Amino acid sequence: MSKAVNSDEDIHGLLPQYASGNLPAADRQRVEAWLEKHPELRSEVAFWEQLRAGLQSQPQAAPGQEVWQGVSQRVVLHQRQAKRSAISILAGLALAGFSLVILWLTIRPGVLLQWTVSGTDQLTYQVYRAPTGSQDFVLLGEVHGTPGVSQYSYLDALFLPGQSYVYRVEGLSPSGSAVVSQGVVSQSLAALPGQLAILLASLLVGYLAASLARNWGSAGPGRLLPA
């Protein structure tokens, strides 16, 4: 649908389309009526007609074989570069994830609990944890006592630091009765530096792996043109 043509400025702007014959019939009639009132502008219409005729008379040369070959090589090179980039990113992410798991299982950053007992009885120590201000203790694990050993420890490898916890350690006799209970409050923020170090180290390993994969692909065969 063509927009309404009312002002002289609007009609004057339609002269190039009028000269090319691309105007709808209604607009064409308005332009012709307007030119009757402004015959001095017919020279401008003649200019647009000559310009259109000159453009149409220009030979349409097809690109040469060398041009098509260059374009084809550029397309192939772009596809190979995109493929190398995708492979390098996937390699970096995979190695970063693998490094994160290995480092986490090896270093095990978390809250280290230590307690001292008296006596030489062989006990089993159960470690419980609850959020600060709560009595909802959850059993985390057990530490088997050794005769003659008075100092024990337990590592709570937290995955989400930032929460404050209360820990309780209960010693159980061979008969199953609790003979000792100790409590300690610990901020799991203590595990944050180690966790951040592992995360940053894993990201660095992934970045180096991605860079090596990308550079290896760029130096390999199949490089057609300079990037």
C-alpha atoms as a PDB file:
ATOM      1  CA  MET A   1       0.000   0.000   0.000  1.00  0.00           C
ATOM      2  CA  SER A   2       1.462   3.391  -0.961  1.00  0.00           C
ATOM      3  CA  LYS A   3       1.254   6.238   1.511  1.00  0.00           C
ATOM      4  CA  ALA A   4      -0.854   9.276   0.772  1.00  0.00           C
ATOM      5  CA  VAL A   5       0.857  11.897  -1.391  1.00  0.00           C
ATOM      6  CA  ASN A   6      -0.354  15.374  -0.560  1.00  0.00           C
ATOM      7  CA  SER A   7       2.342  18.048  -0.358  1.00  0.00           C
ATOM      8  CA  ASP A   8       4.551  19.353  -3.149  1.00  0.00           C
ATOM      9  CA  GLU A   9       7.568  17.993  -1.281  1.00  0.00           C
ATOM     10  CA  ASP A  10       6.082  14.504  -1.253  1.00  0.00           C
ATOM     11  CA  ILE A  11       5.312  14.635  -4.971  1.00  0.00           C
ATOM     12  CA  HIS A  12       8.771  16.009  -5.766  1.00  0.00           C
ATOM     13  CA  GLY A  13      10.329  13.050  -3.930  1.00  0.00           C
ATOM     14  CA  LEU A  14       8.482  10.665  -6.256  1.00  0.00           C
ATOM     15  CA  LEU A  15      10.135  11.952  -9.436  1.00  0.00           C
ATOM     16  CA  PRO A  16      12.885   9.246  -9.505  1.00  0.00           C
ATOM     17  CA  GLN A  17      10.268   6.485  -9.201  1.00  0.00           C
ATOM     18  CA  TYR A  18       8.079   8.220 -11.800  1.00  0.00           C
ATOM     19  CA  ALA A  19      10.993   8.280 -14.226  1.00  0.00           C
ATOM     20  CA  SER A  20      11.677   4.572 -13.642  1.00  0.00           C
ATOM     21  CA  GLY A  21       8.022   3.630 -14.131  1.00  0.00           C
ATOM     22  CA  ASN A  22       7.660   2.041 -10.680  1.00  0.00           C
ATOM     23  CA  LEU A  23       4.855   4.226  -9.307  1.00  0.00           C
ATOM     24  CA  PRO A  24       1.303   2.985  -8.720  1.00  0.00           C
ATOM     25  CA  ALA A  25      -1.281   4.393 -11.127  1.00  0.00           C
ATOM     26  CA  ALA A  26      -2.815   6.771  -8.565  1.00  0.00           C
ATOM     27  CA  ASP A  27       0.523   8.314  -7.588  1.00  0.00           C
ATOM     28  CA  ARG A  28       1.584   8.503 -11.226  1.00  0.00           C
ATOM     29  CA  GLN A  29      -1.516  10.533 -12.064  1.00  0.00           C
ATOM     30  CA  ARG A  30      -0.816  12.917  -9.171  1.00  0.00           C
ATOM     31  CA  VAL A  31       2.764  13.421 -10.380  1.00  0.00           C
ATOM     32  CA  GLU A  32       1.639  14.093 -13.964  1.00  0.00           C
ATOM     33  CA  ALA A  33      -0.956  16.593 -12.765  1.00  0.00           C
ATOM     34  CA  TRP A  34       1.693  18.253 -10.595  1.00  0.00           C
ATOM     35  CA  LEU A  35       4.125  18.466 -13.558  1.00  0.00           C
ATOM     36  CA  GLU A  36       1.432  20.248 -15.552  1.00  0.00           C
ATOM     37  CA  LYS A  37       1.605  22.983 -12.941  1.00  0.00           C
ATOM     38  CA  HIS A  38       5.418  22.897 -12.718  1.00  0.00           C
ATOM     39  CA  PRO A  39       6.709  22.284 -16.279  1.00  0.00           C
ATOM     40  CA  GLU A  40      10.145  23.591 -15.284  1.00  0.00           C
ATOM     41  CA  LEU A  41      10.726  20.339 -13.379  1.00  0.00           C
ATOM     42  CA  ARG A  42      10.358  18.140 -16.448  1.00  0.00           C
ATOM     43  CA  SER A  43      14.101  18.593 -17.001  1.00  0.00           C
ATOM     44  CA  GLU A  44      14.670  16.834 -13.658  1.00  0.00           C
ATOM     45  CA  VAL A  45      12.466  13.964 -14.805  1.00  0.00           C
ATOM     46  CA  ALA A  46      14.535  13.777 -17.992  1.00  0.00           C
ATOM     47  CA  PHE A  47      17.713  13.580 -15.859  1.00  0.00           C
ATOM     48  CA  TRP A  48      16.405  10.612 -13.905  1.00  0.00           C
ATOM     49  CA  GLU A  49      15.309   8.901 -17.118  1.00  0.00           C
ATOM     50  CA  GLN A  50      18.785   9.369 -18.672  1.00  0.00           C
ATOM     51  CA  LEU A  51      20.456   8.091 -15.507  1.00  0.00           C
ATOM     52  CA  ARG A  52      18.246   4.989 -15.501  1.00  0.00           C
ATOM     53  CA  ALA A  53      18.945   4.326 -19.161  1.00  0.00           C
ATOM     54  CA  GLY A  54      22.695   4.709 -18.618  1.00  0.00           C
ATOM     55  CA  LEU A  55      22.716   2.244 -15.763  1.00  0.00           C
ATOM     56  CA  GLN A  56      20.742  -0.302 -17.741  1.00  0.00           C
ATOM     57  CA  SER A  57      23.149  -0.008 -20.677  1.00  0.00           C
ATOM     58  CA  GLN A  58      26.185  -0.927 -18.567  1.00  0.00           C
ATOM     59  CA  PRO A  59      27.533  -4.429 -19.339  1.00  0.00           C
ATOM     60  CA  GLN A  60      26.930  -6.971 -16.599  1.00  0.00           C
ATOM     61  CA  ALA A  61      30.319  -8.656 -16.263  1.00  0.00           C
ATOM     62  CA  ALA A  62      30.395 -11.984 -14.459  1.00  0.00           C
ATOM     63  CA  PRO A  63      33.149 -12.509 -11.835  1.00  0.00           C
ATOM     64  CA  GLY A  64      36.190 -14.303 -13.154  1.00  0.00           C
ATOM     65  CA  GLN A  65      37.336 -17.764 -12.133  1.00  0.00           C
ATOM     66  CA  GLU A  66      40.034 -16.341  -9.851  1.00  0.00           C
ATOM     67  CA  VAL A  67      37.455 -14.286  -7.964  1.00  0.00           C
ATOM     68  CA  TRP A  68      35.228 -17.312  -7.414  1.00  0.00           C
ATOM     69  CA  GLN A  69      38.220 -19.383  -6.325  1.00  0.00           C
ATOM     70  CA  GLY A  70      39.281 -16.742  -3.811  1.00  0.00           C
ATOM     71  CA  VAL A  71      35.763 -16.500  -2.391  1.00  0.00           C
ATOM     72  CA  SER A  72      35.557 -20.285  -2.125  1.00  0.00           C
ATOM     73  CA  GLN A  73      38.873 -20.459  -0.305  1.00  0.00           C
ATOM     74  CA  ARG A  74      37.758 -17.772   2.131  1.00  0.00           C
ATOM     75  CA  VAL A  75      34.553 -19.667   2.880  1.00  0.00           C
ATOM     76  CA  VAL A  76      36.452 -22.923   3.474  1.00  0.00           C
ATOM     77  CA  LEU A  77      38.987 -21.144   5.679  1.00  0.00           C
ATOM     78  CA  HIS A  78      36.230 -19.534   7.734  1.00  0.00           C
ATOM     79  CA  GLN A  79      34.522 -22.899   8.234  1.00  0.00           C
ATOM     80  CA  ARG A  80      37.766 -24.530   9.349  1.00  0.00           C
ATOM     81  CA  GLN A  81      38.517 -21.689  11.752  1.00  0.00           C
ATOM     82  CA  ALA A  82      35.040 -21.959  13.249  1.00  0.00           C
ATOM     83  CA  LYS A  83      35.478 -25.724  13.641  1.00  0.00           C
ATOM     84  CA  ARG A  84      38.889 -25.289  15.309  1.00  0.00           C
ATOM     85  CA  SER A  85      37.451 -22.688  17.692  1.00  0.00           C
ATOM     86  CA  ALA A  86      34.592 -24.997  18.682  1.00  0.00           C
ATOM     87  CA  ILE A  87      36.959 -27.928  19.241  1.00  0.00           C
ATOM     88  CA  SER A  88      39.353 -25.810  21.306  1.00  0.00           C
ATOM     89  CA  ILE A  89      36.516 -24.503  23.503  1.00  0.00           C
ATOM     90  CA  LEU A  90      35.165 -28.024  24.092  1.00  0.00           C
ATOM     91  CA  ALA A  91      38.667 -29.296  24.888  1.00  0.00           C
ATOM     92  CA  GLY A  92      39.205 -26.461  27.359  1.00  0.00           C
ATOM     93  CA  LEU A  93      35.875 -27.039  29.108  1.00  0.00           C
ATOM     94  CA  ALA A  94      36.451 -30.789  29.324  1.00  0.00           C
ATOM     95  CA  LEU A  95      39.942 -30.441  30.773  1.00  0.00           C
ATOM     96  CA  ALA A  96      38.816 -27.705  33.176  1.00  0.00           C
ATOM     97  CA  GLY A  97      36.036 -29.944  34.495  1.00  0.00           C
ATOM     98  CA  PHE A  98      38.355 -32.931  34.769  1.00  0.00           C
ATOM     99  CA  SER A  99      40.977 -30.845  36.616  1.00  0.00           C
ATOM    100  CA  LEU A 100      38.324 -29.489  38.984  1.00  0.00           C
ATOM    101  CA  VAL A 101      37.189 -32.994  39.953  1.00  0.00           C
ATOM    102  CA  ILE A 102      40.731 -34.342  40.389  1.00  0.00           C
ATOM    103  CA  LEU A 103      41.951 -31.351  42.402  1.00  0.00           C
ATOM    104  CA  TRP A 104      38.822 -31.341  44.572  1.00  0.00           C
ATOM    105  CA  LEU A 105      39.118 -35.031  45.371  1.00  0.00           C
ATOM    106  CA  THR A 106      42.858 -34.708  45.990  1.00  0.00           C
ATOM    107  CA  ILE A 107      42.999 -31.516  48.053  1.00  0.00           C
ATOM    108  CA  ARG A 108      39.480 -31.736  49.506  1.00  0.00           C
ATOM    109  CA  PRO A 109      39.049 -28.139  50.681  1.00  0.00           C
ATOM    110  CA  GLY A 110      36.685 -27.864  53.598  1.00  0.00           C
ATOM    111  CA  VAL A 111      36.339 -27.453  57.349  1.00  0.00           C
ATOM    112  CA  LEU A 112      38.825 -29.466  59.405  1.00  0.00           C
ATOM    113  CA  LEU A 113      37.489 -30.615  62.779  1.00  0.00           C
ATOM    114  CA  GLN A 114      39.921 -31.732  65.489  1.00  0.00           C
ATOM    115  CA  TRP A 115      39.198 -33.080  68.939  1.00  0.00           C
ATOM    116  CA  THR A 116      41.092 -34.633  71.801  1.00  0.00           C
ATOM    117  CA  VAL A 117      39.898 -37.480  73.999  1.00  0.00           C
ATOM    118  CA  SER A 118      41.200 -38.919  77.217  1.00  0.00           C
ATOM    119  CA  GLY A 119      41.511 -42.580  78.022  1.00  0.00           C
ATOM    120  CA  THR A 120      42.582 -45.487  75.922  1.00  0.00           C
ATOM    121  CA  ASP A 121      39.235 -47.118  75.172  1.00  0.00           C
ATOM    122  CA  GLN A 122      38.638 -47.981  71.541  1.00  0.00           C
ATOM    123  CA  LEU A 123      35.647 -45.871  70.498  1.00  0.00           C
ATOM    124  CA  THR A 124      33.884 -44.972  67.272  1.00  0.00           C
ATOM    125  CA  TYR A 125      33.390 -41.226  66.819  1.00  0.00           C
ATOM    126  CA  GLN A 126      30.356 -40.002  64.900  1.00  0.00           C
ATOM    127  CA  VAL A 127      30.454 -36.474  63.439  1.00  0.00           C
ATOM    128  CA  TYR A 128      27.186 -34.537  63.113  1.00  0.00           C
ATOM    129  CA  ARG A 129      26.487 -31.153  61.541  1.00  0.00           C
ATOM    130  CA  ALA A 130      23.638 -28.638  61.801  1.00  0.00           C
ATOM    131  CA  PRO A 131      23.202 -25.003  60.706  1.00  0.00           C
ATOM    132  CA  THR A 132      23.953 -22.512  63.439  1.00  0.00           C
ATOM    133  CA  GLY A 133      20.877 -21.967  65.617  1.00  0.00           C
ATOM    134  CA  SER A 134      19.326 -25.285  64.570  1.00  0.00           C
ATOM    135  CA  GLN A 135      19.155 -28.661  66.248  1.00  0.00           C
ATOM    136  CA  ASP A 136      18.704 -30.572  62.989  1.00  0.00           C
ATOM    137  CA  PHE A 137      21.953 -32.510  63.190  1.00  0.00           C
ATOM    138  CA  VAL A 138      22.870 -34.749  60.288  1.00  0.00           C
ATOM    139  CA  LEU A 139      25.385 -37.568  60.511  1.00  0.00           C
ATOM    140  CA  LEU A 140      28.358 -36.797  58.257  1.00  0.00           C
ATOM    141  CA  GLY A 141      30.603 -39.756  58.944  1.00  0.00           C
ATOM    142  CA  GLU A 142      32.469 -41.885  61.443  1.00  0.00           C
ATOM    143  CA  VAL A 143      36.048 -42.006  62.667  1.00  0.00           C
ATOM    144  CA  HIS A 144      37.203 -45.271  64.195  1.00  0.00           C
ATOM    145  CA  GLY A 145      39.307 -44.832  67.287  1.00  0.00           C
ATOM    146  CA  THR A 146      42.683 -46.443  67.860  1.00  0.00           C
ATOM    147  CA  PRO A 147      43.902 -47.558  71.288  1.00  0.00           C
ATOM    148  CA  GLY A 148      46.454 -45.110  72.661  1.00  0.00           C
ATOM    149  CA  VAL A 149      45.514 -42.278  70.258  1.00  0.00           C
ATOM    150  CA  SER A 150      43.988 -39.186  71.842  1.00  0.00           C
ATOM    151  CA  GLN A 151      43.803 -36.728  68.915  1.00  0.00           C
ATOM    152  CA  TYR A 152      41.437 -37.165  65.979  1.00  0.00           C
ATOM    153  CA  SER A 153      40.272 -35.085  63.040  1.00  0.00           C
ATOM    154  CA  TYR A 154      37.539 -35.072  60.407  1.00  0.00           C
ATOM    155  CA  LEU A 155      37.364 -33.052  57.176  1.00  0.00           C
ATOM    156  CA  ASP A 156      33.971 -31.747  56.088  1.00  0.00           C
ATOM    157  CA  ALA A 157      34.480 -31.017  52.377  1.00  0.00           C
ATOM    158  CA  LEU A 158      31.843 -28.356  51.817  1.00  0.00           C
ATOM    159  CA  PHE A 159      30.735 -27.556  48.288  1.00  0.00           C
ATOM    160  CA  LEU A 160      28.801 -24.366  49.080  1.00  0.00           C
ATOM    161  CA  PRO A 161      30.750 -22.116  51.454  1.00  0.00           C
ATOM    162  CA  GLY A 162      29.222 -19.203  53.308  1.00  0.00           C
ATOM    163  CA  GLN A 163      27.070 -21.011  55.884  1.00  0.00           C
ATOM    164  CA  SER A 164      27.935 -21.218  59.573  1.00  0.00           C
ATOM    165  CA  TYR A 165      27.580 -24.693  61.103  1.00  0.00           C
ATOM    166  CA  VAL A 166      27.589 -26.355  64.493  1.00  0.00           C
ATOM    167  CA  TYR A 167      29.405 -29.701  64.667  1.00  0.00           C
ATOM    168  CA  ARG A 168      28.939 -32.369  67.288  1.00  0.00           C
ATOM    169  CA  VAL A 169      31.222 -35.340  67.872  1.00  0.00           C
ATOM    170  CA  GLU A 170      29.903 -38.322  69.788  1.00  0.00           C
ATOM    171  CA  GLY A 171      32.010 -41.227  70.921  1.00  0.00           C
ATOM    172  CA  LEU A 172      30.308 -44.616  70.962  1.00  0.00           C
ATOM    173  CA  SER A 173      31.474 -47.569  73.006  1.00  0.00           C
ATOM    174  CA  PRO A 174      31.483 -51.058  71.494  1.00  0.00           C
ATOM    175  CA  SER A 175      28.090 -51.558  73.148  1.00  0.00           C
ATOM    176  CA  GLY A 176      26.680 -48.545  71.255  1.00  0.00           C
ATOM    177  CA  SER A 177      26.265 -46.129  74.189  1.00  0.00           C
ATOM    178  CA  ALA A 178      27.469 -42.524  73.881  1.00  0.00           C
ATOM    179  CA  VAL A 179      30.365 -41.885  76.255  1.00  0.00           C
ATOM    180  CA  VAL A 180      31.632 -38.507  75.046  1.00  0.00           C
ATOM    181  CA  SER A 181      30.132 -35.595  73.171  1.00  0.00           C
ATOM    182  CA  GLN A 182      31.916 -32.457  71.994  1.00  0.00           C
ATOM    183  CA  GLY A 183      30.566 -29.477  70.111  1.00  0.00           C
ATOM    184  CA  VAL A 184      32.289 -26.829  68.009  1.00  0.00           C
ATOM    185  CA  VAL A 185      31.070 -23.918  65.883  1.00  0.00           C
ATOM    186  CA  SER A 186      32.866 -23.398  62.591  1.00  0.00           C
ATOM    187  CA  GLN A 187      32.473 -20.918  59.766  1.00  0.00           C
ATOM    188  CA  SER A 188      32.618 -22.690  56.417  1.00  0.00           C
ATOM    189  CA  LEU A 189      34.167 -19.514  54.972  1.00  0.00           C
ATOM    190  CA  ALA A 190      37.391 -21.084  56.150  1.00  0.00           C
ATOM    191  CA  ALA A 191      37.095 -23.411  53.149  1.00  0.00           C
ATOM    192  CA  LEU A 192      36.596 -20.571  50.664  1.00  0.00           C
ATOM    193  CA  PRO A 193      40.266 -19.765  49.867  1.00  0.00           C
ATOM    194  CA  GLY A 194      41.046 -23.377  49.011  1.00  0.00           C
ATOM    195  CA  GLN A 195      37.909 -23.745  46.923  1.00  0.00           C
ATOM    196  CA  LEU A 196      38.624 -20.559  44.973  1.00  0.00           C
ATOM    197  CA  ALA A 197      42.216 -21.653  44.385  1.00  0.00           C
ATOM    198  CA  ILE A 198      41.034 -24.979  42.943  1.00  0.00           C
ATOM    199  CA  LEU A 199      38.446 -23.260  40.756  1.00  0.00           C
ATOM    200  CA  LEU A 200      40.946 -20.727  39.391  1.00  0.00           C
ATOM    201  CA  ALA A 201      43.534 -23.442  38.776  1.00  0.00           C
ATOM    202  CA  SER A 202      40.960 -25.499  36.848  1.00  0.00           C
ATOM    203  CA  LEU A 203      39.964 -22.495  34.735  1.00  0.00           C
ATOM    204  CA  LEU A 204      43.621 -21.769  33.983  1.00  0.00           C
ATOM    205  CA  VAL A 205      44.209 -25.361  32.886  1.00  0.00           C
ATOM    206  CA  GLY A 206      41.137 -25.184  30.639  1.00  0.00           C
ATOM    207  CA  TYR A 207      42.266 -21.875  29.120  1.00  0.00           C
ATOM    208  CA  LEU A 208      45.747 -23.222  28.388  1.00  0.00           C
ATOM    209  CA  ALA A 209      44.277 -26.368  26.844  1.00  0.00           C
ATOM    210  CA  ALA A 210      41.961 -24.318  24.605  1.00  0.00           C
ATOM    211  CA  SER A 211      44.852 -22.072  23.522  1.00  0.00           C
ATOM    212  CA  LEU A 212      47.069 -25.041  22.693  1.00  0.00           C
ATOM    213  CA  ALA A 213      44.292 -26.719  20.706  1.00  0.00           C
ATOM    214  CA  ARG A 214      43.574 -23.537  18.775  1.00  0.00           C
ATOM    215  CA  ASN A 215      47.255 -22.856  18.017  1.00  0.00           C
ATOM    216  CA  TRP A 216      47.854 -26.456  16.989  1.00  0.00           C
ATOM    217  CA  GLY A 217      44.942 -26.303  14.559  1.00  0.00           C
ATOM    218  CA  SER A 218      46.163 -23.016  13.104  1.00  0.00           C
ATOM    219  CA  ALA A 219      49.669 -24.386  12.528  1.00  0.00           C
ATOM    220  CA  GLY A 220      48.445 -27.630  10.999  1.00  0.00           C
ATOM    221  CA  PRO A 221      47.847 -28.434   7.321  1.00  0.00           C
ATOM    222  CA  GLY A 222      44.949 -26.965   5.441  1.00  0.00           C
ATOM    223  CA  ARG A 223      45.660 -23.295   6.044  1.00  0.00           C
ATOM    224  CA  LEU A 224      44.721 -21.793   2.702  1.00  0.00           C
ATOM    225  CA  LEU A 225      45.014 -18.049   3.129  1.00  0.00           C
ATOM    226  CA  PRO A 226      46.201 -15.656   5.820  1.00  0.00           C
ATOM    227  CA  ALA A 227      43.563 -14.846   8.378  1.00  0.00           C
END
